[in-house]
Amino acid sequence: MPRLRRTLAVTAAAAAATAGGLIAGTPAQAATSVHCTATSSTAFNTVNIFPNFSASLSACDFADAGAPYHFTIDVATSHVVSGGTYVTYGLTSTCSSATALITGTLFAASCLSP
């Protein structure tokens, strides 16, 4: 019987330590990494010329694992309303949202690029 009590005590202590670690620990944040061969964007000014963008789903390897969304884009084109078209090669951008539309388009919003 003493061995059973000791086993139960060790098991209870391990369970408490595990539960405490789960409660006190920082939860892992989901993230999605996406590669696109080409995207298109519309911007209102040249402060952030890639505030959002869209791409054909067939041009991206999008599998939604949650925000934030980290994009690597081979060729990114932005049409600025105040004038000009900008093309950037090898753009990296982080967006707070991304949605695959039923039209076969991927739309990303609230994006920041270094």
Foldseek 3Di string as FASTA:
>chain_A
DVVVVVVVVVVVVVVVVVVVCVVPPDDDDWEAEKEFAEWEEEAQDDPAQPQKIKDFLVRMPDDDRADFYKYFYQWYWGAHPVDDIDIDGGWIKTARDWDQDPVRMIMTHRIDTD
